[in-house]
Amino acid sequence: MSKRPWAFVLGGLLVALLLAGVVSNYASAHPDGLDSSLLKGCTVNADGEITGGSCPAQQAKDHELADSPLADYGVRGVSNGFLSTGLSGVLGVLLTFALGGGLFWLARRRGPATDRSSGPTAGPAGPDIDPTADERAAPAAGTR
């Protein structure tokens, strides 16, 4: 295998790490379409907390994994928001790369494909015998 595919994969990994670790901190802090549509009918303060009205977002509950180490686009225990978001992105990229690489490693071709139609081959138990080879050769020899 040439070194070029590895350079491409490592280059892609470095770009993903840069995007996740640095650029992700500059993503919009405003709610996306789903969040904003769930807040229609409610009044919200500057911190994003519902202060009045009636909307579907009032029935929202925390996710079961809300207290996990990487919840809410950050790392629990890291007080610096910029570092927490970047570290969370980097850990997510590395975890995804490791899982994907592991799956590709498991699914890889283990050796060159063998073509069984090219004729007898010597295997661990000796040469493979094709019982129809003699039958094909016999009529051809008898007709000449």
N, C-alpha and C. Protein backbone atom coordinates (compact mmCIF):
# COMPACT_ATOMS: atom_id res chain seq x y z
N MET A 1 0.85 -1.17 0.00
CA MET A 1 0.00 0.00 0.00
C MET A 1 0.89 1.23 0.00
N SER A 2 0.56 2.17 -0.83
CA SER A 2 1.38 3.37 -0.91
C SER A 2 1.10 4.28 0.28
N LYS A 3 1.96 5.24 0.48
CA LYS A 3 1.82 6.17 1.61
C LYS A 3 0.79 7.25 1.32
N ARG A 4 0.40 7.43 0.08
CA ARG A 4 -0.50 8.53 -0.28
C ARG A 4 -1.87 8.45 0.40
N PRO A 5 -2.54 7.28 0.46
CA PRO A 5 -3.84 7.24 1.17
C PRO A 5 -3.70 7.61 2.64
N TRP A 6 -2.60 7.22 3.27
CA TRP A 6 -2.42 7.57 4.69
C TRP A 6 -2.26 9.07 4.86
N ALA A 7 -1.57 9.71 3.93
CA ALA A 7 -1.41 11.16 4.01
C ALA A 7 -2.76 11.85 3.85
N PHE A 8 -3.58 11.33 2.96
CA PHE A 8 -4.91 11.90 2.75
C PHE A 8 -5.77 11.75 4.00
N VAL A 9 -5.74 10.57 4.61
CA VAL A 9 -6.54 10.32 5.82
C VAL A 9 -6.05 11.19 6.97
N LEU A 10 -4.75 11.28 7.16
CA LEU A 10 -4.21 12.11 8.23
C LEU A 10 -4.48 13.60 7.99
N GLY A 11 -4.43 14.03 6.73
CA GLY A 11 -4.77 15.41 6.40
C GLY A 11 -6.22 15.70 6.72
N GLY A 12 -7.11 14.78 6.37
CA GLY A 12 -8.53 14.94 6.68
C GLY A 12 -8.78 14.96 8.18
N LEU A 13 -8.06 14.12 8.91
CA LEU A 13 -8.19 14.10 10.37
C LEU A 13 -7.73 15.43 10.97
N LEU A 14 -6.63 15.98 10.47
CA LEU A 14 -6.14 17.26 10.99
C LEU A 14 -7.12 18.39 10.70
N VAL A 15 -7.72 18.40 9.50
CA VAL A 15 -8.72 19.42 9.18
C VAL A 15 -9.94 19.29 10.09
N ALA A 16 -10.40 18.05 10.31
CA ALA A 16 -11.55 17.84 11.19
C ALA A 16 -11.25 18.27 12.62
N LEU A 17 -10.04 17.99 13.08
CA LEU A 17 -9.66 18.41 14.43
C LEU A 17 -9.60 19.93 14.55
N LEU A 18 -9.09 20.59 13.52
CA LEU A 18 -9.04 22.05 13.53
C LEU A 18 -10.45 22.65 13.54
N LEU A 19 -11.32 22.11 12.71
CA LEU A 19 -12.70 22.61 12.67
C LEU A 19 -13.42 22.37 13.99
N ALA A 20 -13.26 21.18 14.54
CA ALA A 20 -13.95 20.85 15.79
C ALA A 20 -13.36 21.58 16.98
N GLY A 21 -12.06 21.77 16.99
CA GLY A 21 -11.41 22.36 18.14
C GLY A 21 -11.44 23.88 18.18
N VAL A 22 -11.44 24.53 17.02
CA VAL A 22 -11.35 25.98 16.98
C VAL A 22 -12.60 26.62 16.37
N VAL A 23 -12.93 26.21 15.16
CA VAL A 23 -14.02 26.86 14.43
C VAL A 23 -15.37 26.63 15.09
N SER A 24 -15.55 25.51 15.78
CA SER A 24 -16.83 25.22 16.42
C SER A 24 -17.19 26.27 17.47
N ASN A 25 -16.20 26.93 18.02
CA ASN A 25 -16.47 27.97 19.02
C ASN A 25 -17.12 29.21 18.42
N TYR A 26 -17.06 29.35 17.12
CA TYR A 26 -17.63 30.53 16.47
C TYR A 26 -19.00 30.24 15.84
N ALA A 27 -19.58 29.09 16.14
CA ALA A 27 -20.92 28.76 15.66
C ALA A 27 -21.94 29.67 16.34
N SER A 28 -23.08 29.84 15.71
CA SER A 28 -24.11 30.73 16.23
C SER A 28 -24.64 30.23 17.58
N ALA A 29 -24.82 31.13 18.50
CA ALA A 29 -25.39 30.80 19.81
C ALA A 29 -26.91 30.91 19.79
N HIS A 30 -27.47 31.41 18.70
CA HIS A 30 -28.92 31.55 18.60
C HIS A 30 -29.56 30.21 18.31
N PRO A 31 -30.79 30.01 18.77
CA PRO A 31 -31.45 28.72 18.56
C PRO A 31 -31.65 28.40 17.08
N ASP A 32 -31.61 27.11 16.80
CA ASP A 32 -31.87 26.69 15.42
C ASP A 32 -33.38 26.70 15.15
N GLY A 33 -33.79 26.25 14.00
CA GLY A 33 -35.19 26.29 13.59
C GLY A 33 -36.12 25.54 14.53
N LEU A 34 -35.70 24.36 14.97
CA LEU A 34 -36.56 23.57 15.85
C LEU A 34 -36.73 24.27 17.21
N ASP A 35 -35.63 24.74 17.77
CA ASP A 35 -35.73 25.43 19.07
C ASP A 35 -36.59 26.69 18.97
N SER A 36 -36.40 27.46 17.92
CA SER A 36 -37.17 28.70 17.81
C SER A 36 -38.64 28.43 17.56
N SER A 37 -38.96 27.35 16.82
CA SER A 37 -40.38 27.05 16.58
C SER A 37 -41.05 26.53 17.86
N LEU A 38 -40.30 25.85 18.71
CA LEU A 38 -40.87 25.38 19.97
C LEU A 38 -41.09 26.52 20.96
N LEU A 39 -40.41 27.65 20.77
CA LEU A 39 -40.56 28.79 21.67
C LEU A 39 -41.64 29.77 21.23
N LYS A 40 -42.28 29.52 20.08
CA LYS A 40 -43.33 30.44 19.62
C LYS A 40 -44.50 30.41 20.59
N GLY A 41 -44.89 31.58 21.04
CA GLY A 41 -45.98 31.72 21.99
C GLY A 41 -45.48 32.00 23.39
N CYS A 42 -44.20 31.93 23.61
CA CYS A 42 -43.62 32.20 24.93
C CYS A 42 -42.77 33.46 24.86
N THR A 43 -42.63 34.08 26.01
CA THR A 43 -41.68 35.18 26.13
C THR A 43 -40.42 34.64 26.78
N VAL A 44 -39.28 35.08 26.27
CA VAL A 44 -37.99 34.55 26.71
C VAL A 44 -37.11 35.71 27.13
N ASN A 45 -36.35 35.54 28.22
CA ASN A 45 -35.44 36.59 28.66
C ASN A 45 -34.10 36.48 27.92
N ALA A 46 -33.15 37.32 28.27
CA ALA A 46 -31.85 37.36 27.58
C ALA A 46 -31.04 36.08 27.77
N ASP A 47 -31.31 35.34 28.84
CA ASP A 47 -30.59 34.09 29.09
C ASP A 47 -31.24 32.89 28.40
N GLY A 48 -32.34 33.13 27.69
CA GLY A 48 -33.03 32.05 26.99
C GLY A 48 -34.02 31.29 27.85
N GLU A 49 -34.32 31.80 29.02
CA GLU A 49 -35.27 31.15 29.92
C GLU A 49 -36.68 31.65 29.62
N ILE A 50 -37.65 30.75 29.68
CA ILE A 50 -39.04 31.10 29.43
C ILE A 50 -39.59 31.84 30.64
N THR A 51 -40.12 33.03 30.40
CA THR A 51 -40.65 33.85 31.50
C THR A 51 -42.17 33.96 31.47
N GLY A 52 -42.82 33.57 30.39
CA GLY A 52 -44.27 33.66 30.33
C GLY A 52 -44.79 33.11 29.01
N GLY A 53 -46.10 33.12 28.89
CA GLY A 53 -46.73 32.62 27.68
C GLY A 53 -46.95 31.13 27.72
N SER A 54 -47.33 30.59 26.57
CA SER A 54 -47.59 29.16 26.47
C SER A 54 -46.98 28.65 25.17
N CYS A 55 -46.10 27.64 25.28
CA CYS A 55 -45.45 27.07 24.10
C CYS A 55 -45.05 25.63 24.39
N PRO A 56 -44.78 24.84 23.35
CA PRO A 56 -44.39 23.44 23.55
C PRO A 56 -43.08 23.27 24.33
N ALA A 57 -42.20 24.26 24.29
CA ALA A 57 -40.91 24.13 24.98
C ALA A 57 -41.06 24.04 26.50
N GLN A 58 -42.22 24.44 27.03
CA GLN A 58 -42.42 24.36 28.48
C GLN A 58 -42.51 22.92 28.97
N GLN A 59 -42.83 21.99 28.08
CA GLN A 59 -42.91 20.58 28.47
C GLN A 59 -41.58 19.86 28.26
N ALA A 60 -40.55 20.57 27.84
CA ALA A 60 -39.25 19.94 27.58
C ALA A 60 -38.64 19.43 28.88
N LYS A 61 -38.00 18.27 28.78
CA LYS A 61 -37.32 17.66 29.92
C LYS A 61 -35.86 17.43 29.53
N ASP A 62 -35.02 17.29 30.52
CA ASP A 62 -33.62 16.96 30.25
C ASP A 62 -33.52 15.56 29.67
N HIS A 63 -32.55 15.38 28.79
CA HIS A 63 -32.26 14.07 28.21
C HIS A 63 -31.65 13.18 29.28
N GLU A 64 -31.77 11.87 29.11
CA GLU A 64 -31.23 10.93 30.08
C GLU A 64 -29.72 11.05 30.23
N LEU A 65 -29.05 11.51 29.17
CA LEU A 65 -27.59 11.65 29.20
C LEU A 65 -27.15 13.10 29.41
N ALA A 66 -28.04 13.92 29.96
CA ALA A 66 -27.73 15.34 30.14
C ALA A 66 -26.58 15.58 31.11
N ASP A 67 -26.30 14.61 31.98
CA ASP A 67 -25.20 14.78 32.92
C ASP A 67 -23.95 13.99 32.50
N SER A 68 -23.90 13.58 31.23
CA SER A 68 -22.73 12.84 30.75
C SER A 68 -21.53 13.78 30.58
N PRO A 69 -20.34 13.26 30.48
CA PRO A 69 -19.14 14.10 30.42
C PRO A 69 -19.09 15.05 29.22
N LEU A 70 -19.72 14.71 28.10
CA LEU A 70 -19.66 15.55 26.90
C LEU A 70 -21.01 16.16 26.55
N ALA A 71 -21.88 16.34 27.52
CA ALA A 71 -23.22 16.89 27.24
C ALA A 71 -23.14 18.39 26.97
N ASP A 72 -24.08 18.88 26.19
CA ASP A 72 -24.24 20.31 25.92
C ASP A 72 -23.04 20.95 25.22
N TYR A 73 -22.41 20.22 24.31
CA TYR A 73 -21.29 20.75 23.50
C TYR A 73 -20.14 21.24 24.36
N GLY A 74 -19.87 20.56 25.44
CA GLY A 74 -18.78 20.94 26.31
C GLY A 74 -18.30 19.74 27.12
N VAL A 75 -17.24 19.96 27.88
CA VAL A 75 -16.69 18.92 28.73
C VAL A 75 -16.99 19.31 30.18
N ARG A 76 -17.67 18.42 30.88
CA ARG A 76 -18.01 18.70 32.28
C ARG A 76 -16.73 18.85 33.09
N GLY A 77 -16.69 19.86 33.92
CA GLY A 77 -15.54 20.10 34.77
C GLY A 77 -14.57 21.12 34.21
N VAL A 78 -14.72 21.51 32.95
CA VAL A 78 -13.85 22.53 32.35
C VAL A 78 -14.64 23.84 32.36
N SER A 79 -14.17 24.81 33.13
CA SER A 79 -14.94 26.05 33.32
C SER A 79 -14.78 27.04 32.16
N ASN A 80 -13.69 26.98 31.43
CA ASN A 80 -13.48 27.87 30.30
C ASN A 80 -14.35 27.39 29.13
N GLY A 81 -15.32 28.21 28.72
CA GLY A 81 -16.26 27.81 27.67
C GLY A 81 -15.59 27.53 26.34
N PHE A 82 -14.62 28.36 25.94
CA PHE A 82 -13.92 28.17 24.67
C PHE A 82 -13.17 26.85 24.67
N LEU A 83 -12.44 26.58 25.74
CA LEU A 83 -11.68 25.33 25.86
C LEU A 83 -12.60 24.12 25.96
N SER A 84 -13.69 24.26 26.71
CA SER A 84 -14.63 23.15 26.89
C SER A 84 -15.28 22.74 25.57
N THR A 85 -15.71 23.72 24.78
CA THR A 85 -16.33 23.42 23.48
C THR A 85 -15.32 22.81 22.53
N GLY A 86 -14.14 23.39 22.46
CA GLY A 86 -13.10 22.87 21.57
C GLY A 86 -12.67 21.46 21.94
N LEU A 87 -12.48 21.23 23.23
CA LEU A 87 -12.07 19.90 23.69
C LEU A 87 -13.16 18.87 23.42
N SER A 88 -14.41 19.26 23.59
CA SER A 88 -15.52 18.36 23.29
C SER A 88 -15.53 17.98 21.81
N GLY A 89 -15.31 18.96 20.94
CA GLY A 89 -15.25 18.68 19.51
C GLY A 89 -14.10 17.78 19.13
N VAL A 90 -12.93 18.04 19.71
CA VAL A 90 -11.75 17.22 19.42
C VAL A 90 -11.97 15.78 19.89
N LEU A 91 -12.51 15.61 21.10
CA LEU A 91 -12.79 14.26 21.60
C LEU A 91 -13.81 13.54 20.73
N GLY A 92 -14.82 14.28 20.26
CA GLY A 92 -15.82 13.67 19.38
C GLY A 92 -15.21 13.23 18.06
N VAL A 93 -14.33 14.04 17.48
CA VAL A 93 -13.67 13.66 16.22
C VAL A 93 -12.79 12.44 16.43
N LEU A 94 -12.01 12.43 17.50
CA LEU A 94 -11.12 11.29 17.75
C LEU A 94 -11.90 10.01 18.00
N LEU A 95 -12.99 10.11 18.75
CA LEU A 95 -13.82 8.93 19.01
C LEU A 95 -14.44 8.41 17.71
N THR A 96 -14.97 9.32 16.89
CA THR A 96 -15.56 8.92 15.61
C THR A 96 -14.50 8.31 14.70
N PHE A 97 -13.32 8.91 14.63
CA PHE A 97 -12.23 8.39 13.81
C PHE A 97 -11.81 7.00 14.28
N ALA A 98 -11.71 6.81 15.59
CA ALA A 98 -11.32 5.51 16.13
C ALA A 98 -12.37 4.44 15.82
N LEU A 99 -13.64 4.77 16.00
CA LEU A 99 -14.70 3.79 15.71
C LEU A 99 -14.75 3.46 14.22
N GLY A 100 -14.69 4.51 13.38
CA GLY A 100 -14.71 4.28 11.93
C GLY A 100 -13.50 3.51 11.47
N GLY A 101 -12.32 3.87 11.97
CA GLY A 101 -11.10 3.15 11.60
C GLY A 101 -11.15 1.70 12.05
N GLY A 102 -11.69 1.47 13.24
CA GLY A 102 -11.84 0.09 13.72
C GLY A 102 -12.77 -0.73 12.86
N LEU A 103 -13.87 -0.13 12.42
CA LEU A 103 -14.80 -0.85 11.55
C LEU A 103 -14.17 -1.15 10.19
N PHE A 104 -13.44 -0.18 9.64
CA PHE A 104 -12.75 -0.43 8.37
C PHE A 104 -11.66 -1.48 8.54
N TRP A 105 -10.98 -1.49 9.67
CA TRP A 105 -9.95 -2.47 9.92
C TRP A 105 -10.56 -3.87 9.99
N LEU A 106 -11.72 -3.99 10.63
CA LEU A 106 -12.40 -5.29 10.70
C LEU A 106 -12.91 -5.76 9.34
N ALA A 107 -13.31 -4.83 8.50
CA ALA A 107 -13.90 -5.19 7.21
C ALA A 107 -12.87 -5.27 6.09
N ARG A 108 -11.61 -5.04 6.38
CA ARG A 108 -10.60 -5.00 5.33
C ARG A 108 -10.42 -6.37 4.69
N ARG A 109 -9.87 -6.36 3.50
CA ARG A 109 -9.54 -7.60 2.80
C ARG A 109 -8.26 -8.13 3.41
N ARG A 110 -8.26 -9.36 3.79
CA ARG A 110 -7.14 -9.92 4.52
C ARG A 110 -6.00 -10.38 3.62
N GLY A 111 -6.24 -10.55 2.36
CA GLY A 111 -5.20 -11.00 1.45
C GLY A 111 -5.67 -10.86 0.03
N PRO A 112 -4.82 -11.21 -0.92
CA PRO A 112 -5.25 -11.09 -2.31
C PRO A 112 -6.38 -12.08 -2.61
N ALA A 113 -7.29 -11.63 -3.42
CA ALA A 113 -8.40 -12.50 -3.80
C ALA A 113 -7.86 -13.62 -4.69
N THR A 114 -8.31 -14.83 -4.46
CA THR A 114 -7.85 -15.95 -5.27
C THR A 114 -8.91 -16.28 -6.30
N ASP A 115 -8.46 -16.60 -7.50
CA ASP A 115 -9.37 -16.93 -8.59
C ASP A 115 -9.38 -18.44 -8.73
N ARG A 116 -10.45 -19.08 -8.29
CA ARG A 116 -10.55 -20.54 -8.31
C ARG A 116 -10.77 -21.08 -9.71
N SER A 117 -11.12 -20.24 -10.69
CA SER A 117 -11.41 -20.73 -12.04
C SER A 117 -10.17 -20.87 -12.89
N SER A 118 -9.00 -20.47 -12.40
CA SER A 118 -7.80 -20.51 -13.22
C SER A 118 -7.15 -21.88 -13.27
N GLY A 119 -7.63 -22.83 -12.49
CA GLY A 119 -7.07 -24.17 -12.56
C GLY A 119 -6.71 -24.67 -11.18
N PRO A 120 -6.13 -25.89 -11.13
CA PRO A 120 -5.80 -26.47 -9.84
C PRO A 120 -4.69 -25.67 -9.15
N THR A 121 -4.81 -25.60 -7.84
CA THR A 121 -3.80 -24.93 -7.03
C THR A 121 -3.39 -25.86 -5.91
N ALA A 122 -2.20 -25.67 -5.42
CA ALA A 122 -1.73 -26.48 -4.31
C ALA A 122 -2.12 -25.79 -3.02
N GLY A 123 -2.96 -26.44 -2.24
CA GLY A 123 -3.38 -25.90 -0.96
C GLY A 123 -2.66 -26.61 0.16
N PRO A 124 -3.12 -26.44 1.39
CA PRO A 124 -2.46 -27.08 2.52
C PRO A 124 -2.55 -28.60 2.47
N ALA A 125 -3.59 -29.16 1.84
CA ALA A 125 -3.75 -30.60 1.78
C ALA A 125 -3.25 -31.17 0.46
N GLY A 126 -2.65 -30.38 -0.39
CA GLY A 126 -2.18 -30.85 -1.68
C GLY A 126 -2.93 -30.18 -2.80
N PRO A 127 -2.69 -30.62 -4.03
CA PRO A 127 -3.35 -29.96 -5.18
C PRO A 127 -4.85 -30.22 -5.17
N ASP A 128 -5.59 -29.21 -5.60
CA ASP A 128 -7.04 -29.37 -5.75
C ASP A 128 -7.28 -30.21 -6.99
N ILE A 129 -8.23 -31.10 -6.88
CA ILE A 129 -8.54 -31.98 -8.02
C ILE A 129 -9.90 -31.59 -8.55
N ASP A 130 -9.96 -31.36 -9.86
CA ASP A 130 -11.20 -31.02 -10.53
C ASP A 130 -11.69 -32.30 -11.20
N PRO A 131 -12.72 -32.98 -10.66
CA PRO A 131 -13.15 -34.26 -11.24
C PRO A 131 -13.70 -34.11 -12.65
N THR A 132 -14.14 -32.96 -13.04
CA THR A 132 -14.70 -32.80 -14.37
C THR A 132 -13.64 -32.53 -15.43
N ALA A 133 -12.41 -32.25 -15.01
CA ALA A 133 -11.36 -31.96 -15.98
C ALA A 133 -11.07 -33.20 -16.83
N ASP A 134 -11.02 -34.39 -16.23
CA ASP A 134 -10.78 -35.62 -17.00
C ASP A 134 -11.96 -35.92 -17.92
N GLU A 135 -13.18 -35.64 -17.44
CA GLU A 135 -14.36 -35.90 -18.26
C GLU A 135 -14.39 -34.99 -19.48
N ARG A 136 -13.94 -33.75 -19.33
CA ARG A 136 -13.90 -32.82 -20.45
C ARG A 136 -12.82 -33.23 -21.44
N ALA A 137 -11.70 -33.72 -20.94
CA ALA A 137 -10.58 -34.07 -21.81
C ALA A 137 -10.85 -35.37 -22.56
N ALA A 138 -11.56 -36.32 -22.00
CA ALA A 138 -11.80 -37.61 -22.62
C ALA A 138 -12.55 -37.53 -23.94
N PRO A 139 -13.69 -36.83 -24.04
CA PRO A 139 -14.38 -36.78 -25.34
C PRO A 139 -13.55 -36.04 -26.38
N ALA A 140 -12.82 -35.05 -25.97
CA ALA A 140 -12.03 -34.29 -26.94
C ALA A 140 -10.93 -35.17 -27.50
N ALA A 141 -10.35 -36.05 -26.69
CA ALA A 141 -9.28 -36.92 -27.18
C ALA A 141 -9.84 -38.02 -28.07
N GLY A 142 -11.04 -38.50 -27.80
CA GLY A 142 -11.63 -39.60 -28.56
C GLY A 142 -12.19 -39.15 -29.91
N THR A 143 -12.44 -37.90 -30.12
CA THR A 143 -13.03 -37.46 -31.38
C THR A 143 -11.98 -37.15 -32.41
N ARG A 144 -10.76 -37.10 -32.09
CA ARG A 144 -9.73 -36.76 -33.06
C ARG A 144 -9.13 -37.93 -33.68
